[in-house]
Amino acid sequence: MGKGDRKTAKGKRTIGSYGNSRKRKSSVKAYTPPKKKVTKKAKEEETAAPKKATAKKTTAKKTTTKKTTTKKAESK
């Protein structure tokens, strides 16, 4: 687990090799799509649009009926 260990990053640095524990720097950068340009009209439409008020829905509570139990007469 020191300088001679090929499986650790420290060992790979001393040996000068690359692998899973010591990656190389990628020369190709990740592609990022260009941002959409926002015009002044689009900004005004977004800010001028009135927000819709959401109405709360009320649900009726269900009433449960109590079940009556009948006792059976014990016969001896």
Protein backbone atom coordinates (compact mmCIF):
# COMPACT_ATOMS: atom_id res chain seq x y z
CA MET A 1 0.00 0.00 0.00
CA GLY A 2 2.81 2.38 -0.78
CA LYS A 3 4.79 3.69 -3.66
CA GLY A 4 5.12 0.34 -5.38
CA ASP A 5 1.43 -0.56 -5.28
CA ARG A 6 0.02 -0.39 -8.80
CA LYS A 7 -3.62 -0.33 -7.66
CA THR A 8 -3.43 2.95 -5.74
CA ALA A 9 -3.17 6.47 -7.11
CA LYS A 10 0.03 7.06 -5.14
CA GLY A 11 1.64 3.99 -6.69
CA LYS A 12 0.49 4.95 -10.16
CA ARG A 13 2.02 8.42 -9.73
CA THR A 14 5.41 6.98 -8.82
CA ILE A 15 5.31 4.36 -11.57
CA GLY A 16 3.90 6.85 -14.08
CA SER A 17 0.97 4.80 -15.27
CA TYR A 18 -2.74 5.56 -15.58
CA GLY A 19 -5.83 3.52 -14.84
CA ASN A 20 -9.10 3.48 -12.89
CA SER A 21 -7.64 4.99 -9.75
CA ARG A 22 -5.64 7.62 -11.70
CA LYS A 23 -7.53 9.04 -14.66
CA ARG A 24 -6.00 11.20 -17.37
CA LYS A 25 -7.27 14.70 -17.99
CA SER A 26 -9.76 14.67 -20.82
CA SER A 27 -8.78 16.84 -23.79
CA VAL A 28 -12.38 17.02 -25.04
CA LYS A 29 -14.74 19.18 -23.03
CA ALA A 30 -18.36 18.20 -22.52
CA TYR A 31 -20.85 19.76 -24.93
CA THR A 32 -23.17 22.34 -23.45
CA PRO A 33 -26.05 23.58 -25.62
CA PRO A 34 -26.17 27.34 -26.21
CA LYS A 35 -28.61 29.34 -24.13
CA LYS A 36 -31.73 30.70 -25.78
CA LYS A 37 -31.81 34.43 -26.25
CA VAL A 38 -34.73 36.12 -24.51
CA THR A 39 -36.17 39.18 -26.24
CA LYS A 40 -37.73 42.13 -24.49
CA LYS A 41 -41.21 41.14 -25.73
CA ALA A 42 -40.92 37.67 -24.23
CA LYS A 43 -39.84 39.13 -20.89
CA GLU A 44 -42.81 41.52 -20.84
CA GLU A 45 -45.27 38.73 -21.67
CA GLU A 46 -43.92 36.55 -18.87
CA THR A 47 -44.16 39.30 -16.27
CA ALA A 48 -47.50 40.68 -17.49
CA ALA A 49 -49.28 37.31 -17.49
CA PRO A 50 -51.69 37.24 -14.52
CA LYS A 51 -51.43 34.31 -12.18
CA LYS A 52 -54.50 32.11 -11.98
CA ALA A 53 -55.98 31.66 -8.54
CA THR A 54 -56.35 28.03 -7.67
CA ALA A 55 -59.61 27.12 -5.98
CA LYS A 56 -59.38 24.65 -3.15
CA LYS A 57 -61.52 21.61 -3.64
CA THR A 58 -63.50 20.42 -0.65
CA THR A 59 -64.29 16.78 -0.30
CA ALA A 60 -67.20 15.46 1.68
CA LYS A 61 -66.23 13.25 4.57
CA LYS A 62 -67.66 9.80 4.52
CA THR A 63 -69.54 8.75 7.62
CA THR A 64 -69.12 5.22 8.81
CA THR A 65 -71.84 3.26 10.52
CA LYS A 66 -71.08 1.21 13.57
CA LYS A 67 -71.53 -2.48 13.16
CA THR A 68 -73.62 -4.06 15.83
CA THR A 69 -72.55 -7.41 17.10
CA THR A 70 -75.07 -9.97 18.22
CA LYS A 71 -74.21 -12.24 21.06
CA LYS A 72 -75.11 -15.84 20.60
CA ALA A 73 -76.73 -17.56 23.49
CA GLU A 74 -74.48 -20.15 24.95
CA SER A 75 -76.12 -23.55 25.29
CA LYS A 76 -74.88 -26.16 27.69
